[in-house]
Amino acid sequence: MKRGAAATGKLVYIDAASVRAARTDMPGDRMVKALAETFRALSDPTRIRIISVLAGQELCVFDLSRLLGLTGSAVSHQLRLLRGQRLVKYRKEGKVAYYSLDDDHIRNLMEECIKHVTVG
């Protein structure tokens, strides 16, 4: 361990090996940016509701708008943002697009976040 003076004049102890190990565990800039964009997409209550509903079943924009009490345009806008982050996907059946979660990672992420929020 090395000792150094912080800006406050107090002594600080630095464990260079721990700092090196932490640096190798830290994700790279591209990954950090992608994660931030994903969490930004999930930071809106309406989008969280959409993700929660789609975790159980696929729905079309009309059904989502009725369920959420929003216009189809508002729901489509939110779905476009979620699709841009690969959080939801859709399939077409005739003229109707049915939305679902992109993969199980999204469902698992929501489940873990719910556990985190509900614990103590």
PDB file of N, CA and C in Angstrom:
ATOM      1  N   MET A   1       0.834  -1.187   0.000  1.00  0.00           N
ATOM      2  CA  MET A   1       0.000   0.000   0.000  1.00  0.00           C
ATOM      3  C   MET A   1       0.872   1.241   0.000  1.00  0.00           C
ATOM      4  N   LYS A   2       0.423   2.224  -0.710  1.00  0.00           N
ATOM      5  CA  LYS A   2       1.135   3.495  -0.746  1.00  0.00           C
ATOM      6  C   LYS A   2       0.287   4.543  -0.059  1.00  0.00           C
ATOM      7  N   ARG A   3       0.968   5.485   0.546  1.00  0.00           N
ATOM      8  CA  ARG A   3       0.257   6.612   1.156  1.00  0.00           C
ATOM      9  C   ARG A   3       0.423   7.821   0.266  1.00  0.00           C
ATOM     10  N   GLY A   4      -0.631   8.621   0.205  1.00  0.00           N
ATOM     11  CA  GLY A   4      -0.559   9.851  -0.570  1.00  0.00           C
ATOM     12  C   GLY A   4      -1.412  10.910   0.092  1.00  0.00           C
ATOM     13  N   ALA A   5      -1.222  12.130  -0.288  1.00  0.00           N
ATOM     14  CA  ALA A   5      -2.005  13.223   0.285  1.00  0.00           C
ATOM     15  C   ALA A   5      -3.150  13.556  -0.654  1.00  0.00           C
ATOM     16  N   ALA A   6      -4.349  13.565  -0.122  1.00  0.00           N
ATOM     17  CA  ALA A   6      -5.520  13.981  -0.902  1.00  0.00           C
ATOM     18  C   ALA A   6      -5.570  15.495  -0.929  1.00  0.00           C
ATOM     19  N   ALA A   7      -6.463  16.031  -1.720  1.00  0.00           N
ATOM     20  CA  ALA A   7      -6.594  17.486  -1.836  1.00  0.00           C
ATOM     21  C   ALA A   7      -6.935  18.125  -0.499  1.00  0.00           C
ATOM     22  N   THR A   8      -7.547  17.353   0.401  1.00  0.00           N
ATOM     23  CA  THR A   8      -7.929  17.897   1.704  1.00  0.00           C
ATOM     24  C   THR A   8      -6.770  17.896   2.682  1.00  0.00           C
ATOM     25  N   GLY A   9      -5.664  17.292   2.313  1.00  0.00           N
ATOM     26  CA  GLY A   9      -4.522  17.230   3.201  1.00  0.00           C
ATOM     27  C   GLY A   9      -4.520  15.991   4.080  1.00  0.00           C
ATOM     28  N   LYS A  10      -5.568  15.181   4.002  1.00  0.00           N
ATOM     29  CA  LYS A  10      -5.624  13.950   4.790  1.00  0.00           C
ATOM     30  C   LYS A  10      -4.861  12.858   4.059  1.00  0.00           C
ATOM     31  N   LEU A  11      -4.362  11.911   4.812  1.00  0.00           N
ATOM     32  CA  LEU A  11      -3.671  10.785   4.205  1.00  0.00           C
ATOM     33  C   LEU A  11      -4.690   9.806   3.640  1.00  0.00           C
ATOM     34  N   VAL A  12      -4.396   9.278   2.459  1.00  0.00           N
ATOM     35  CA  VAL A  12      -5.234   8.247   1.855  1.00  0.00           C
ATOM     36  C   VAL A  12      -4.349   7.048   1.562  1.00  0.00           C
ATOM     37  N   TYR A  13      -4.927   5.885   1.608  1.00  0.00           N
ATOM     38  CA  TYR A  13      -4.199   4.664   1.325  1.00  0.00           C
ATOM     39  C   TYR A  13      -4.713   4.082   0.020  1.00  0.00           C
ATOM     40  N   ILE A  14      -3.817   3.747  -0.856  1.00  0.00           N
ATOM     41  CA  ILE A  14      -4.183   3.213  -2.160  1.00  0.00           C
ATOM     42  C   ILE A  14      -3.590   1.822  -2.290  1.00  0.00           C
ATOM     43  N   ASP A  15      -4.435   0.876  -2.611  1.00  0.00           N
ATOM     44  CA  ASP A  15      -4.002  -0.490  -2.866  1.00  0.00           C
ATOM     45  C   ASP A  15      -3.945  -0.655  -4.383  1.00  0.00           C
ATOM     46  N   ALA A  16      -2.763  -0.506  -4.931  1.00  0.00           N
ATOM     47  CA  ALA A  16      -2.589  -0.513  -6.385  1.00  0.00           C
ATOM     48  C   ALA A  16      -3.092  -1.807  -7.012  1.00  0.00           C
ATOM     49  N   ALA A  17      -2.904  -2.933  -6.349  1.00  0.00           N
ATOM     50  CA  ALA A  17      -3.371  -4.213  -6.896  1.00  0.00           C
ATOM     51  C   ALA A  17      -4.893  -4.237  -6.989  1.00  0.00           C
ATOM     52  N   SER A  18      -5.562  -3.707  -5.986  1.00  0.00           N
ATOM     53  CA  SER A  18      -7.030  -3.660  -6.009  1.00  0.00           C
ATOM     54  C   SER A  18      -7.529  -2.745  -7.117  1.00  0.00           C
ATOM     55  N   VAL A  19      -6.846  -1.628  -7.307  1.00  0.00           N
ATOM     56  CA  VAL A  19      -7.236  -0.695  -8.368  1.00  0.00           C
ATOM     57  C   VAL A  19      -7.054  -1.356  -9.731  1.00  0.00           C
ATOM     58  N   ARG A  20      -5.947  -2.063  -9.930  1.00  0.00           N
ATOM     59  CA  ARG A  20      -5.714  -2.765 -11.202  1.00  0.00           C
ATOM     60  C   ARG A  20      -6.790  -3.822 -11.437  1.00  0.00           C
ATOM     61  N   ALA A  21      -7.114  -4.591 -10.406  1.00  0.00           N
ATOM     62  CA  ALA A  21      -8.143  -5.629 -10.534  1.00  0.00           C
ATOM     63  C   ALA A  21      -9.501  -5.015 -10.850  1.00  0.00           C
ATOM     64  N   ALA A  22      -9.823  -3.929 -10.179  1.00  0.00           N
ATOM     65  CA  ALA A  22     -11.106  -3.255 -10.424  1.00  0.00           C
ATOM     66  C   ALA A  22     -11.161  -2.711 -11.847  1.00  0.00           C
ATOM     67  N   ARG A  23     -10.040  -2.203 -12.331  1.00  0.00           N
ATOM     68  CA  ARG A  23     -10.004  -1.647 -13.684  1.00  0.00           C
ATOM     69  C   ARG A  23     -10.280  -2.737 -14.722  1.00  0.00           C
ATOM     70  N   THR A  24      -9.773  -3.941 -14.511  1.00  0.00           N
ATOM     71  CA  THR A  24     -10.021  -5.021 -15.474  1.00  0.00           C
ATOM     72  C   THR A  24     -11.472  -5.495 -15.412  1.00  0.00           C
ATOM     73  N   ASP A  25     -12.126  -5.337 -14.263  1.00  0.00           N
ATOM     74  CA  ASP A  25     -13.535  -5.723 -14.128  1.00  0.00           C
ATOM     75  C   ASP A  25     -14.484  -4.677 -14.704  1.00  0.00           C
ATOM     76  N   MET A  26     -13.996  -3.459 -14.853  1.00  0.00           N
ATOM     77  CA  MET A  26     -14.843  -2.362 -15.314  1.00  0.00           C
ATOM     78  C   MET A  26     -15.129  -2.527 -16.812  1.00  0.00           C
ATOM     79  N   PRO A  27     -16.419  -2.420 -17.207  1.00  0.00           N
ATOM     80  CA  PRO A  27     -16.733  -2.553 -18.635  1.00  0.00           C
ATOM     81  C   PRO A  27     -16.132  -1.407 -19.444  1.00  0.00           C
ATOM     82  N   GLY A  28     -15.887  -1.679 -20.713  1.00  0.00           N
ATOM     83  CA  GLY A  28     -15.332  -0.666 -21.604  1.00  0.00           C
ATOM     84  C   GLY A  28     -16.336   0.431 -21.919  1.00  0.00           C
ATOM     85  N   ASP A  29     -15.849   1.481 -22.561  1.00  0.00           N
ATOM     86  CA  ASP A  29     -16.674   2.652 -22.865  1.00  0.00           C
ATOM     87  C   ASP A  29     -17.910   2.311 -23.695  1.00  0.00           C
ATOM     88  N   ARG A  30     -17.754   1.468 -24.718  1.00  0.00           N
ATOM     89  CA  ARG A  30     -18.903   1.106 -25.565  1.00  0.00           C
ATOM     90  C   ARG A  30     -19.962   0.381 -24.755  1.00  0.00           C
ATOM     91  N   MET A  31     -19.527  -0.534 -23.891  1.00  0.00           N
ATOM     92  CA  MET A  31     -20.470  -1.291 -23.071  1.00  0.00           C
ATOM     93  C   MET A  31     -21.172  -0.375 -22.074  1.00  0.00           C
ATOM     94  N   VAL A  32     -20.424   0.512 -21.462  1.00  0.00           N
ATOM     95  CA  VAL A  32     -21.016   1.449 -20.496  1.00  0.00           C
ATOM     96  C   VAL A  32     -22.068   2.314 -21.183  1.00  0.00           C
ATOM     97  N   LYS A  33     -21.759   2.791 -22.378  1.00  0.00           N
ATOM     98  CA  LYS A  33     -22.716   3.621 -23.116  1.00  0.00           C
ATOM     99  C   LYS A  33     -23.967   2.818 -23.470  1.00  0.00           C
ATOM    100  N   ALA A  34     -23.794   1.581 -23.926  1.00  0.00           N
ATOM    101  CA  ALA A  34     -24.941   0.732 -24.277  1.00  0.00           C
ATOM    102  C   ALA A  34     -25.798   0.434 -23.053  1.00  0.00           C
ATOM    103  N   LEU A  35     -25.165   0.165 -21.923  1.00  0.00           N
ATOM    104  CA  LEU A  35     -25.912  -0.081 -20.686  1.00  0.00           C
ATOM    105  C   LEU A  35     -26.678   1.158 -20.249  1.00  0.00           C
ATOM    106  N   ALA A  36     -26.038   2.313 -20.355  1.00  0.00           N
ATOM    107  CA  ALA A  36     -26.707   3.558 -19.976  1.00  0.00           C
ATOM    108  C   ALA A  36     -27.928   3.802 -20.854  1.00  0.00           C
ATOM    109  N   GLU A  37     -27.817   3.528 -22.145  1.00  0.00           N
ATOM    110  CA  GLU A  37     -28.951   3.690 -23.057  1.00  0.00           C
ATOM    111  C   GLU A  37     -30.080   2.722 -22.707  1.00  0.00           C
ATOM    112  N   THR A  38     -29.733   1.498 -22.350  1.00  0.00           N
ATOM    113  CA  THR A  38     -30.751   0.518 -21.957  1.00  0.00           C
ATOM    114  C   THR A  38     -31.469   0.972 -20.702  1.00  0.00           C
ATOM    115  N   PHE A  39     -30.723   1.379 -19.697  1.00  0.00           N
ATOM    116  CA  PHE A  39     -31.354   1.839 -18.456  1.00  0.00           C
ATOM    117  C   PHE A  39     -32.135   3.133 -18.675  1.00  0.00           C
ATOM    118  N   ARG A  40     -31.686   3.973 -19.587  1.00  0.00           N
ATOM    119  CA  ARG A  40     -32.441   5.187 -19.907  1.00  0.00           C
ATOM    120  C   ARG A  40     -33.797   4.805 -20.509  1.00  0.00           C
ATOM    121  N   ALA A  41     -33.800   3.807 -21.384  1.00  0.00           N
ATOM    122  CA  ALA A  41     -35.056   3.357 -21.991  1.00  0.00           C
ATOM    123  C   ALA A  41     -36.002   2.790 -20.940  1.00  0.00           C
ATOM    124  N   LEU A  42     -35.445   2.207 -19.898  1.00  0.00           N
ATOM    125  CA  LEU A  42     -36.263   1.619 -18.832  1.00  0.00           C
ATOM    126  C   LEU A  42     -36.607   2.615 -17.732  1.00  0.00           C
ATOM    127  N   SER A  43     -36.193   3.851 -17.871  1.00  0.00           N
ATOM    128  CA  SER A  43     -36.375   4.824 -16.787  1.00  0.00           C
ATOM    129  C   SER A  43     -37.725   5.534 -16.812  1.00  0.00           C
ATOM    130  N   ASP A  44     -38.583   5.168 -17.731  1.00  0.00           N
ATOM    131  CA  ASP A  44     -39.888   5.818 -17.865  1.00  0.00           C
ATOM    132  C   ASP A  44     -40.991   4.894 -17.337  1.00  0.00           C
ATOM    133  N   PRO A  45     -41.887   5.385 -16.474  1.00  0.00           N
ATOM    134  CA  PRO A  45     -42.956   4.539 -15.917  1.00  0.00           C
ATOM    135  C   PRO A  45     -43.836   3.875 -16.977  1.00  0.00           C
ATOM    136  N   THR A  46     -44.147   4.574 -18.047  1.00  0.00           N
ATOM    137  CA  THR A  46     -44.974   3.969 -19.102  1.00  0.00           C
ATOM    138  C   THR A  46     -44.243   2.814 -19.760  1.00  0.00           C
ATOM    139  N   ARG A  47     -42.964   2.992 -20.038  1.00  0.00           N
ATOM    140  CA  ARG A  47     -42.197   1.916 -20.664  1.00  0.00           C
ATOM    141  C   ARG A  47     -42.038   0.732 -19.717  1.00  0.00           C
ATOM    142  N   ILE A  48     -41.922   0.990 -18.425  1.00  0.00           N
ATOM    143  CA  ILE A  48     -41.857  -0.108 -17.453  1.00  0.00           C
ATOM    144  C   ILE A  48     -43.171  -0.877 -17.454  1.00  0.00           C
ATOM    145  N   ARG A  49     -44.284  -0.166 -17.522  1.00  0.00           N
ATOM    146  CA  ARG A  49     -45.589  -0.843 -17.589  1.00  0.00           C
ATOM    147  C   ARG A  49     -45.686  -1.707 -18.849  1.00  0.00           C
ATOM    148  N   ILE A  50     -45.238  -1.172 -19.958  1.00  0.00           N
ATOM    149  CA  ILE A  50     -45.271  -1.932 -21.212  1.00  0.00           C
ATOM    150  C   ILE A  50     -44.425  -3.194 -21.087  1.00  0.00           C
ATOM    151  N   ILE A  51     -43.212  -3.053 -20.582  1.00  0.00           N
ATOM    152  CA  ILE A  51     -42.326  -4.211 -20.410  1.00  0.00           C
ATOM    153  C   ILE A  51     -42.970  -5.234 -19.478  1.00  0.00           C
ATOM    154  N   SER A  52     -43.557  -4.766 -18.382  1.00  0.00           N
ATOM    155  CA  SER A  52     -44.187  -5.669 -17.417  1.00  0.00           C
ATOM    156  C   SER A  52     -45.327  -6.455 -18.047  1.00  0.00           C
ATOM    157  N   VAL A  53     -46.157  -5.778 -18.818  1.00  0.00           N
ATOM    158  CA  VAL A  53     -47.284  -6.444 -19.472  1.00  0.00           C
ATOM    159  C   VAL A  53     -46.787  -7.438 -20.518  1.00  0.00           C
ATOM    160  N   LEU A  54     -45.800  -7.023 -21.304  1.00  0.00           N
ATOM    161  CA  LEU A  54     -45.295  -7.898 -22.359  1.00  0.00           C
ATOM    162  C   LEU A  54     -44.493  -9.074 -21.810  1.00  0.00           C
ATOM    163  N   ALA A  55     -44.108  -9.011 -20.552  1.00  0.00           N
ATOM    164  CA  ALA A  55     -43.427 -10.154 -19.929  1.00  0.00           C
ATOM    165  C   ALA A  55     -44.376 -11.341 -19.817  1.00  0.00           C
ATOM    166  N   GLY A  56     -45.683 -11.057 -19.799  1.00  0.00           N
ATOM    167  CA  GLY A  56     -46.664 -12.125 -19.660  1.00  0.00           C
ATOM    168  C   GLY A  56     -47.284 -12.586 -20.961  1.00  0.00           C
ATOM    169  N   GLN A  57     -47.375 -11.690 -21.930  1.00  0.00           N
ATOM    170  CA  GLN A  57     -48.020 -12.052 -23.196  1.00  0.00           C
ATOM    171  C   GLN A  57     -47.726 -11.006 -24.252  1.00  0.00           C
ATOM    172  N   GLU A  58     -47.878 -11.405 -25.505  1.00  0.00           N
ATOM    173  CA  GLU A  58     -47.729 -10.431 -26.579  1.00  0.00           C
ATOM    174  C   GLU A  58     -49.051  -9.705 -26.770  1.00  0.00           C
ATOM    175  N   LEU A  59     -48.949  -8.441 -27.145  1.00  0.00           N
ATOM    176  CA  LEU A  59     -50.133  -7.612 -27.360  1.00  0.00           C
ATOM    177  C   LEU A  59     -49.905  -6.683 -28.544  1.00  0.00           C
ATOM    178  N   CYS A  60     -50.992  -6.260 -29.161  1.00  0.00           N
ATOM    179  CA  CYS A  60     -50.903  -5.277 -30.241  1.00  0.00           C
ATOM    180  C   CYS A  60     -50.991  -3.872 -29.642  1.00  0.00           C
ATOM    181  N   VAL A  61     -50.686  -2.875 -30.445  1.00  0.00           N
ATOM    182  CA  VAL A  61     -50.701  -1.484 -29.995  1.00  0.00           C
ATOM    183  C   VAL A  61     -52.082  -1.106 -29.469  1.00  0.00           C
ATOM    184  N   PHE A  62     -53.132  -1.528 -30.161  1.00  0.00           N
ATOM    185  CA  PHE A  62     -54.491  -1.184 -29.734  1.00  0.00           C
ATOM    186  C   PHE A  62     -54.764  -1.714 -28.326  1.00  0.00           C
ATOM    187  N   ASP A  63     -54.420  -2.985 -28.085  1.00  0.00           N
ATOM    188  CA  ASP A  63     -54.652  -3.569 -26.756  1.00  0.00           C
ATOM    189  C   ASP A  63     -53.809  -2.876 -25.691  1.00  0.00           C
ATOM    190  N   LEU A  64     -52.570  -2.569 -26.023  1.00  0.00           N
ATOM    191  CA  LEU A  64     -51.714  -1.850 -25.073  1.00  0.00           C
ATOM    192  C   LEU A  64     -52.277  -0.466 -24.766  1.00  0.00           C
ATOM    193  N   SER A  65     -52.765   0.221 -25.785  1.00  0.00           N
ATOM    194  CA  SER A  65     -53.297   1.567 -25.556  1.00  0.00           C
ATOM    195  C   SER A  65     -54.543   1.513 -24.680  1.00  0.00           C
ATOM    196  N   ARG A  66     -55.401   0.529 -24.887  1.00  0.00           N
ATOM    197  CA  ARG A  66     -56.588   0.377 -24.035  1.00  0.00           C
ATOM    198  C   ARG A  66     -56.178   0.051 -22.601  1.00  0.00           C
ATOM    199  N   LEU A  67     -55.236  -0.836 -22.457  1.00  0.00           N
ATOM    200  CA  LEU A  67     -54.771  -1.257 -21.137  1.00  0.00           C
ATOM    201  C   LEU A  67     -54.131  -0.105 -20.368  1.00  0.00           C
ATOM    202  N   LEU A  68     -53.329   0.696 -21.051  1.00  0.00           N
ATOM    203  CA  LEU A  68     -52.580   1.775 -20.406  1.00  0.00           C
ATOM    204  C   LEU A  68     -53.326   3.104 -20.378  1.00  0.00           C
ATOM    205  N   GLY A  69     -54.424   3.188 -21.097  1.00  0.00           N
ATOM    206  CA  GLY A  69     -55.170   4.441 -21.145  1.00  0.00           C
ATOM    207  C   GLY A  69     -54.449   5.530 -21.922  1.00  0.00           C
ATOM    208  N   LEU A  70     -53.723   5.133 -22.947  1.00  0.00           N
ATOM    209  CA  LEU A  70     -52.968   6.069 -23.785  1.00  0.00           C
ATOM    210  C   LEU A  70     -53.440   5.963 -25.229  1.00  0.00           C
ATOM    211  N   THR A  71     -53.100   6.955 -26.015  1.00  0.00           N
ATOM    212  CA  THR A  71     -53.412   6.883 -27.442  1.00  0.00           C
ATOM    213  C   THR A  71     -52.504   5.856 -28.113  1.00  0.00           C
ATOM    214  N   GLY A  72     -52.962   5.361 -29.243  1.00  0.00           N
ATOM    215  CA  GLY A  72     -52.136   4.439 -30.013  1.00  0.00           C
ATOM    216  C   GLY A  72     -50.827   5.075 -30.432  1.00  0.00           C
ATOM    217  N   SER A  73     -50.881   6.362 -30.739  1.00  0.00           N
ATOM    218  CA  SER A  73     -49.677   7.095 -31.129  1.00  0.00           C
ATOM    219  C   SER A  73     -48.663   7.146 -29.984  1.00  0.00           C
ATOM    220  N   ALA A  74     -49.151   7.403 -28.776  1.00  0.00           N
ATOM    221  CA  ALA A  74     -48.259   7.469 -27.607  1.00  0.00           C
ATOM    222  C   ALA A  74     -47.626   6.108 -27.332  1.00  0.00           C
ATOM    223  N   VAL A  75     -48.422   5.052 -27.437  1.00  0.00           N
ATOM    224  CA  VAL A  75     -47.901   3.701 -27.215  1.00  0.00           C
ATOM    225  C   VAL A  75     -46.893   3.345 -28.304  1.00  0.00           C
ATOM    226  N   SER A  76     -47.207   3.666 -29.544  1.00  0.00           N
ATOM    227  CA  SER A  76     -46.287   3.381 -30.653  1.00  0.00           C
ATOM    228  C   SER A  76     -44.948   4.082 -30.457  1.00  0.00           C
ATOM    229  N   HIS A  77     -44.996   5.307 -29.971  1.00  0.00           N
ATOM    230  CA  HIS A  77     -43.763   6.055 -29.707  1.00  0.00           C
ATOM    231  C   HIS A  77     -42.916   5.335 -28.653  1.00  0.00           C
ATOM    232  N   GLN A  78     -43.544   4.900 -27.575  1.00  0.00           N
ATOM    233  CA  GLN A  78     -42.817   4.196 -26.514  1.00  0.00           C
ATOM    234  C   GLN A  78     -42.262   2.869 -27.030  1.00  0.00           C
ATOM    235  N   LEU A  79     -43.040   2.162 -27.818  1.00  0.00           N
ATOM    236  CA  LEU A  79     -42.584   0.888 -28.379  1.00  0.00           C
ATOM    237  C   LEU A  79     -41.405   1.098 -29.325  1.00  0.00           C
ATOM    238  N   ARG A  80     -41.419   2.179 -30.074  1.00  0.00           N
ATOM    239  CA  ARG A  80     -40.308   2.488 -30.983  1.00  0.00           C
ATOM    240  C   ARG A  80     -39.014   2.683 -30.190  1.00  0.00           C
ATOM    241  N   LEU A  81     -39.110   3.387 -29.059  1.00  0.00           N
ATOM    242  CA  LEU A  81     -37.928   3.578 -28.206  1.00  0.00           C
ATOM    243  C   LEU A  81     -37.445   2.246 -27.636  1.00  0.00           C
ATOM    244  N   LEU A  82     -38.370   1.424 -27.188  1.00  0.00           N
ATOM    245  CA  LEU A  82     -38.004   0.117 -26.629  1.00  0.00           C
ATOM    246  C   LEU A  82     -37.421  -0.796 -27.707  1.00  0.00           C
ATOM    247  N   ARG A  83     -37.972  -0.743 -28.901  1.00  0.00           N
ATOM    248  CA  ARG A  83     -37.463  -1.544 -30.008  1.00  0.00           C
ATOM    249  C   ARG A  83     -36.055  -1.108 -30.380  1.00  0.00           C
ATOM    250  N   GLY A  84     -35.804   0.190 -30.318  1.00  0.00           N
ATOM    251  CA  GLY A  84     -34.473   0.716 -30.634  1.00  0.00           C
ATOM    252  C   GLY A  84     -33.389   0.196 -29.704  1.00  0.00           C
ATOM    253  N   GLN A  85     -33.780  -0.182 -28.507  1.00  0.00           N
ATOM    254  CA  GLN A  85     -32.825  -0.743 -27.541  1.00  0.00           C
ATOM    255  C   GLN A  85     -32.897  -2.270 -27.489  1.00  0.00           C
ATOM    256  N   ARG A  86     -33.635  -2.855 -28.433  1.00  0.00           N
ATOM    257  CA  ARG A  86     -33.812  -4.312 -28.514  1.00  0.00           C
ATOM    258  C   ARG A  86     -34.445  -4.886 -27.247  1.00  0.00           C
ATOM    259  N   LEU A  87     -35.348  -4.125 -26.646  1.00  0.00           N
ATOM    260  CA  LEU A  87     -36.059  -4.599 -25.461  1.00  0.00           C
ATOM    261  C   LEU A  87     -37.368  -5.280 -25.843  1.00  0.00           C
ATOM    262  N   VAL A  88     -37.959  -4.853 -26.943  1.00  0.00           N
ATOM    263  CA  VAL A  88     -39.163  -5.502 -27.463  1.00  0.00           C
ATOM    264  C   VAL A  88     -38.968  -5.795 -28.949  1.00  0.00           C
ATOM    265  N   LYS A  89     -39.761  -6.726 -29.436  1.00  0.00           N
ATOM    266  CA  LYS A  89     -39.774  -7.062 -30.862  1.00  0.00           C
ATOM    267  C   LYS A  89     -41.234  -7.186 -31.280  1.00  0.00           C
ATOM    268  N   TYR A  90     -41.465  -7.299 -32.564  1.00  0.00           N
ATOM    269  CA  TYR A  90     -42.837  -7.464 -33.023  1.00  0.00           C
ATOM    270  C   TYR A  90     -42.889  -8.462 -34.169  1.00  0.00           C
ATOM    271  N   ARG A  91     -44.083  -8.971 -34.368  1.00  0.00           N
ATOM    272  CA  ARG A  91     -44.362  -9.823 -35.521  1.00  0.00           C
ATOM    273  C   ARG A  91     -45.656  -9.318 -36.131  1.00  0.00           C
ATOM    274  N   LYS A  92     -45.741  -9.402 -37.427  1.00  0.00           N
ATOM    275  CA  LYS A  92     -46.934  -8.924 -38.133  1.00  0.00           C
ATOM    276  C   LYS A  92     -47.851 -10.105 -38.431  1.00  0.00           C
ATOM    277  N   GLU A  93     -49.124  -9.855 -38.225  1.00  0.00           N
ATOM    278  CA  GLU A  93     -50.157 -10.804 -38.631  1.00  0.00           C
ATOM    279  C   GLU A  93     -51.172  -9.987 -39.422  1.00  0.00           C
ATOM    280  N   GLY A  94     -51.073 -10.048 -40.725  1.00  0.00           N
ATOM    281  CA  GLY A  94     -51.873  -9.162 -41.564  1.00  0.00           C
ATOM    282  C   GLY A  94     -51.387  -7.736 -41.374  1.00  0.00           C
ATOM    283  N   LYS A  95     -52.300  -6.850 -40.987  1.00  0.00           N
ATOM    284  CA  LYS A  95     -51.937  -5.454 -40.754  1.00  0.00           C
ATOM    285  C   LYS A  95     -51.633  -5.162 -39.291  1.00  0.00           C
ATOM    286  N   VAL A  96     -51.765  -6.159 -38.438  1.00  0.00           N
ATOM    287  CA  VAL A  96     -51.600  -5.957 -36.995  1.00  0.00           C
ATOM    288  C   VAL A  96     -50.210  -6.412 -36.562  1.00  0.00           C
ATOM    289  N   ALA A  97     -49.537  -5.559 -35.782  1.00  0.00           N
ATOM    290  CA  ALA A  97     -48.225  -5.895 -35.218  1.00  0.00           C
ATOM    291  C   ALA A  97     -48.413  -6.292 -33.757  1.00  0.00           C
ATOM    292  N   TYR A  98     -47.912  -7.465 -33.411  1.00  0.00           N
ATOM    293  CA  TYR A  98     -47.977  -7.959 -32.037  1.00  0.00           C
ATOM    294  C   TYR A  98     -46.595  -7.826 -31.406  1.00  0.00           C
ATOM    295  N   TYR A  99     -46.550  -7.210 -30.241  1.00  0.00           N
ATOM    296  CA  TYR A  99     -45.294  -6.943 -29.553  1.00  0.00           C
ATOM    297  C   TYR A  99     -45.077  -7.929 -28.419  1.00  0.00           C
ATOM    298  N   SER A 100     -43.809  -8.267 -28.205  1.00  0.00           N
ATOM    299  CA  SER A 100     -43.403  -9.128 -27.093  1.00  0.00           C
ATOM    300  C   SER A 100     -42.000  -8.701 -26.669  1.00  0.00           C
ATOM    301  N   LEU A 101     -41.540  -9.251 -25.561  1.00  0.00           N
ATOM    302  CA  LEU A 101     -40.171  -8.952 -25.130  1.00  0.00           C
ATOM    303  C   LEU A 101     -39.194  -9.554 -26.129  1.00  0.00           C
ATOM    304  N   ASP A 102     -38.080  -8.903 -26.313  1.00  0.00           N
ATOM    305  CA  ASP A 102     -37.095  -9.363 -27.282  1.00  0.00           C
ATOM    306  C   ASP A 102     -36.497 -10.707 -26.896  1.00  0.00           C
ATOM    307  N   ASP A 103     -36.249 -10.907 -25.608  1.00  0.00           N
ATOM    308  CA  ASP A 103     -35.738 -12.197 -25.141  1.00  0.00           C
ATOM    309  C   ASP A 103     -35.932 -12.322 -23.631  1.00  0.00           C
ATOM    310  N   ASP A 104     -35.556 -13.475 -23.097  1.00  0.00           N
ATOM    311  CA  ASP A 104     -35.750 -13.730 -21.664  1.00  0.00           C
ATOM    312  C   ASP A 104     -34.864 -12.869 -20.775  1.00  0.00           C
ATOM    313  N   HIS A 105     -33.789 -12.318 -21.329  1.00  0.00           N
ATOM    314  CA  HIS A 105     -32.933 -11.443 -20.518  1.00  0.00           C
ATOM    315  C   HIS A 105     -33.728 -10.259 -19.980  1.00  0.00           C
ATOM    316  N   ILE A 106     -34.625  -9.736 -20.791  1.00  0.00           N
ATOM    317  CA  ILE A 106     -35.418  -8.572 -20.384  1.00  0.00           C
ATOM    318  C   ILE A 106     -36.366  -8.962 -19.259  1.00  0.00           C
ATOM    319  N   ARG A 107     -37.010 -10.105 -19.400  1.00  0.00           N
ATOM    320  CA  ARG A 107     -37.901 -10.609 -18.344  1.00  0.00           C
ATOM    321  C   ARG A 107     -37.107 -10.808 -17.044  1.00  0.00           C
ATOM    322  N   ASN A 108     -35.947 -11.429 -17.152  1.00  0.00           N
ATOM    323  CA  ASN A 108     -35.111 -11.672 -15.969  1.00  0.00           C
ATOM    324  C   ASN A 108     -34.658 -10.364 -15.330  1.00  0.00           C
ATOM    325  N   LEU A 109     -34.293  -9.390 -16.153  1.00  0.00           N
ATOM    326  CA  LEU A 109     -33.879  -8.085 -15.639  1.00  0.00           C
ATOM    327  C   LEU A 109     -35.009  -7.445 -14.843  1.00  0.00           C
ATOM    328  N   MET A 110     -36.220  -7.489 -15.384  1.00  0.00           N
ATOM    329  CA  MET A 110     -37.373  -6.916 -14.679  1.00  0.00           C
ATOM    330  C   MET A 110     -37.632  -7.653 -13.365  1.00  0.00           C
ATOM    331  N   GLU A 111     -37.551  -8.970 -13.392  1.00  0.00           N
ATOM    332  CA  GLU A 111     -37.770  -9.750 -12.169  1.00  0.00           C
ATOM    333  C   GLU A 111     -36.739  -9.395 -11.104  1.00  0.00           C
ATOM    334  N   GLU A 112     -35.484  -9.268 -11.502  1.00  0.00           N
ATOM    335  CA  GLU A 112     -34.434  -8.911 -10.547  1.00  0.00           C
ATOM    336  C   GLU A 112     -34.628  -7.495 -10.008  1.00  0.00           C
ATOM    337  N   CYS A 113     -35.033  -6.578 -10.867  1.00  0.00           N
ATOM    338  CA  CYS A 113     -35.283  -5.199 -10.414  1.00  0.00           C
ATOM    339  C   CYS A 113     -36.451  -5.152  -9.433  1.00  0.00           C
ATOM    340  N   ILE A 114     -37.490  -5.929  -9.698  1.00  0.00           N
ATOM    341  CA  ILE A 114     -38.632  -5.985  -8.778  1.00  0.00           C
ATOM    342  C   ILE A 114     -38.188  -6.535  -7.432  1.00  0.00           C
ATOM    343  N   LYS A 115     -37.373  -7.590  -7.441  1.00  0.00           N
ATOM    344  CA  LYS A 115     -36.842  -8.131  -6.180  1.00  0.00           C
ATOM    345  C   LYS A 115     -36.045  -7.064  -5.439  1.00  0.00           C
ATOM    346  N   HIS A 116     -35.217  -6.350  -6.168  1.00  0.00           N
ATOM    347  CA  HIS A 116     -34.383  -5.312  -5.556  1.00  0.00           C
ATOM    348  C   HIS A 116     -35.238  -4.236  -4.891  1.00  0.00           C
ATOM    349  N   VAL A 117     -36.287  -3.807  -5.577  1.00  0.00           N
ATOM    350  CA  VAL A 117     -37.141  -2.732  -5.070  1.00  0.00           C
ATOM    351  C   VAL A 117     -37.978  -3.193  -3.883  1.00  0.00           C
ATOM    352  N   THR A 118     -38.391  -4.459  -3.877  1.00  0.00           N
ATOM    353  CA  THR A 118     -39.289  -4.936  -2.819  1.00  0.00           C
ATOM    354  C   THR A 118     -38.567  -5.444  -1.579  1.00  0.00           C
ATOM    355  N   VAL A 119     -37.277  -5.672  -1.656  1.00  0.00           N
ATOM    356  CA  VAL A 119     -36.525  -6.149  -0.491  1.00  0.00           C
ATOM    357  C   VAL A 119     -36.205  -4.963   0.408  1.00  0.00           C
ATOM    358  N   GLY A 120     -36.563  -5.120   1.691  1.00  0.00           N
ATOM    359  CA  GLY A 120     -36.282  -4.153   2.749  1.00  0.00           C
ATOM    360  C   GLY A 120     -36.139  -2.785   2.283  1.00  0.00           C
TER     361      GLY A 120
END
